[in-house]
Amino acid sequence: GRRKKMIHPDDVMVVGEERPQKARTFALIGDTFRISEKMLELCQDVDVLVHEATIREKDRLEAVTRGHSTPTMAGKLAKDTNAKVLLLNHISSSNSSQEDTNSLVDSAKRSN
């Protein structure tokens, strides 16, 4: 079989004066329509917020019932945390067309 190599952070991290740029931060929020105050605090000023957008805006009640988020919920959290970049993920396969995808992105932008 193929041998796997474990990569340790010390193998790839640059320390001290050698670091070419400041460290980046990211937060991953999934399978939820609401986060705790502590998580909101931890996400403040994050460079990249990855947030699910499983359910379309028109089905907001379904999102809450199923414990998922809409693009608008993700966009609002990005705004509330002052995230520099919002990446939407866990998008339902029912949003498979480019038009559907554009609509999701537009919903997130409007709330941000």
Protein backbone atom coordinates (compact mmCIF):
# COMPACT_ATOMS: atom_id res chain seq x y z
CA GLY A 1 0.00 0.00 0.00
CA ARG A 2 0.83 3.63 -0.26
CA ARG A 3 2.63 5.05 2.76
CA LYS A 4 1.12 8.18 4.30
CA LYS A 5 3.22 10.92 5.84
CA MET A 6 2.04 12.90 8.83
CA ILE A 7 2.73 16.63 8.43
CA HIS A 8 3.28 18.41 11.72
CA PRO A 9 2.69 22.19 12.02
CA ASP A 10 6.39 22.70 12.84
CA ASP A 11 7.20 21.28 9.38
CA VAL A 12 5.39 24.11 7.60
CA MET A 13 5.22 27.07 9.98
CA VAL A 14 7.58 30.02 9.71
CA VAL A 15 8.59 31.55 13.03
CA GLY A 16 9.82 34.89 14.26
CA GLU A 17 11.28 37.36 11.78
CA GLU A 18 11.07 34.84 8.94
CA ARG A 19 7.28 35.10 8.75
CA PRO A 20 6.46 36.91 5.49
CA GLN A 21 3.02 38.12 6.55
CA LYS A 22 0.70 38.14 9.52
CA ALA A 23 -1.16 34.97 10.40
CA ARG A 24 -4.64 34.55 8.96
CA THR A 25 -7.67 33.44 10.91
CA PHE A 26 -10.74 31.51 9.85
CA ALA A 27 -13.90 30.21 11.44
CA LEU A 28 -16.05 27.33 10.24
CA ILE A 29 -19.74 27.43 11.13
CA GLY A 30 -21.88 24.51 10.06
CA ASP A 31 -25.24 22.89 10.56
CA THR A 32 -26.70 25.63 12.69
CA PHE A 33 -28.96 28.63 12.37
CA ARG A 34 -27.75 30.25 15.59
CA ILE A 35 -24.41 30.48 17.38
CA SER A 36 -23.59 31.16 21.01
CA GLU A 37 -22.30 34.48 22.33
CA LYS A 38 -18.93 32.81 22.97
CA MET A 39 -18.69 31.65 19.34
CA LEU A 40 -19.70 35.13 18.18
CA GLU A 41 -16.86 36.53 20.28
CA LEU A 42 -14.37 34.00 18.88
CA CYS A 43 -15.36 34.89 15.30
CA GLN A 44 -14.80 38.65 15.70
CA ASP A 45 -12.59 40.16 12.97
CA VAL A 46 -11.90 36.78 11.39
CA ASP A 47 -10.17 36.88 8.01
CA VAL A 48 -12.33 34.13 6.48
CA LEU A 49 -15.72 32.97 7.71
CA VAL A 50 -16.86 29.67 6.19
CA HIS A 51 -20.58 29.32 6.78
CA GLU A 52 -23.17 26.89 5.51
CA ALA A 53 -26.05 28.14 3.35
CA THR A 54 -28.02 24.94 2.97
CA ILE A 55 -31.55 26.31 2.65
CA ARG A 56 -32.85 28.97 0.26
CA GLU A 57 -34.17 32.20 1.73
CA LYS A 58 -37.77 31.46 0.77
CA ASP A 59 -37.58 28.34 2.99
CA ARG A 60 -36.25 30.14 6.09
CA LEU A 61 -38.64 28.35 8.47
CA GLU A 62 -37.44 25.00 7.13
CA ALA A 63 -33.85 26.10 7.77
CA VAL A 64 -34.58 26.85 11.42
CA THR A 65 -36.59 23.65 11.86
CA ARG A 66 -33.81 21.52 10.34
CA GLY A 67 -30.99 23.36 12.13
CA HIS A 68 -29.47 24.91 9.02
CA SER A 69 -28.85 28.42 7.71
CA THR A 70 -29.87 30.54 4.77
CA PRO A 71 -27.44 32.76 2.83
CA THR A 72 -28.93 35.81 4.57
CA MET A 73 -28.20 34.29 7.99
CA ALA A 74 -24.61 33.65 6.89
CA GLY A 75 -24.26 37.18 5.54
CA LYS A 76 -25.63 38.69 8.74
CA LEU A 77 -23.14 36.72 10.83
CA ALA A 78 -20.31 37.87 8.55
CA LYS A 79 -21.42 41.45 9.13
CA ASP A 80 -21.88 41.00 12.89
CA THR A 81 -18.39 39.51 13.24
CA ASN A 82 -16.69 41.93 10.85
CA ALA A 83 -15.43 39.01 8.74
CA LYS A 84 -13.26 40.10 5.83
CA VAL A 85 -14.36 37.24 3.53
CA LEU A 86 -17.45 35.03 3.61
CA LEU A 87 -17.33 31.61 1.94
CA LEU A 88 -20.65 29.80 1.61
CA ASN A 89 -20.59 26.01 1.80
CA HIS A 90 -22.92 23.03 2.37
CA ILE A 91 -25.23 24.31 -0.34
CA SER A 92 -28.14 22.04 -1.16
CA SER A 93 -28.05 20.17 -4.45
CA SER A 94 -31.45 21.73 -5.18
CA ASN A 95 -29.44 24.91 -5.92
CA SER A 96 -27.53 23.35 -8.78
CA SER A 97 -27.88 25.96 -11.52
CA GLN A 98 -25.67 29.02 -11.89
CA GLU A 99 -28.77 31.17 -11.45
CA ASP A 100 -29.51 29.44 -8.11
CA THR A 101 -25.93 29.96 -6.97
CA ASN A 102 -26.01 33.63 -7.97
CA SER A 103 -29.25 34.06 -6.02
CA LEU A 104 -27.64 32.56 -2.88
CA VAL A 105 -24.64 34.86 -3.18
CA ASP A 106 -26.87 37.90 -3.75
CA SER A 107 -28.90 37.05 -0.62
CA ALA A 108 -25.73 36.85 1.48
CA LYS A 109 -24.44 40.15 0.04
CA ARG A 110 -27.70 42.00 0.73
CA SER A 111 -27.56 41.05 4.41
CA ASN A 112 -23.94 42.04 4.70
